[in-house]
Amino acid sequence: MTMPTIDDIAYIYNALPSASIILKANAPHFSIVTANTAFLNATHADLALIKDKDFFDKFPETINDNNLDSMLMAFEQVLLHKQAHQVKNYKYSPNISVQEQTVPAFWKIEVYPLLDLKGEIEYIIQTWEDVTESKQAQDSLKSSNELYNYVNKATNDAIYDWDIVHDHLEWGEAFSRV
């Protein structure tokens, strides 16, 4: 059995809808081997300009201290355990435009090892999925719940919420005093 070449892998890999990049497992450089069209479009990158370059040198504008730590940790976890690792809600910049406002973009990043025939990691495949809308919905819900809790604590009205479908009842402090 022979190992498929990068060209063999790239053929399939380029058909993926997820933004994806293949890196050499040459820590700490993580040289860029190839990137699919979805990745190049999402990052506004040119493969000819990023190929064989260090990943962290080519995308420094996307890395702040928290992102750098989480990205390095993901790579290190994959190298150490030879298993996939996920980074949720990775804050990506440049920002995106939503309804005439500039907001930060958030991606879910998954990092996978690509093993050679000896079981050693030869490449790392990284996929990026835009989860900005989901993150915004989570933040909005969290904010709404906090506001509800503040109103509930500030009022003497007996407020309750009954989820009829799941037969679950929640009530505020004033409801308990009734």
Foldseek 3Di string as FASTA:
>chain_A
DADDDVVVVVVVVLPDQWWKWKFFLPPPQRQTQATHPNVCVVVVHDRVVRHRGRPCVVQVVFDDPVLVVVVVVQSVCCQVVVAKDKDFFRFGDPFDDDPNDTDTWTWIKMKHFDAGPVRHGGMIMITIDTCRVVVVVVVVVVVVVVVVLVVLVPDLDWDKDADPVVRDIDTGPNVVVD
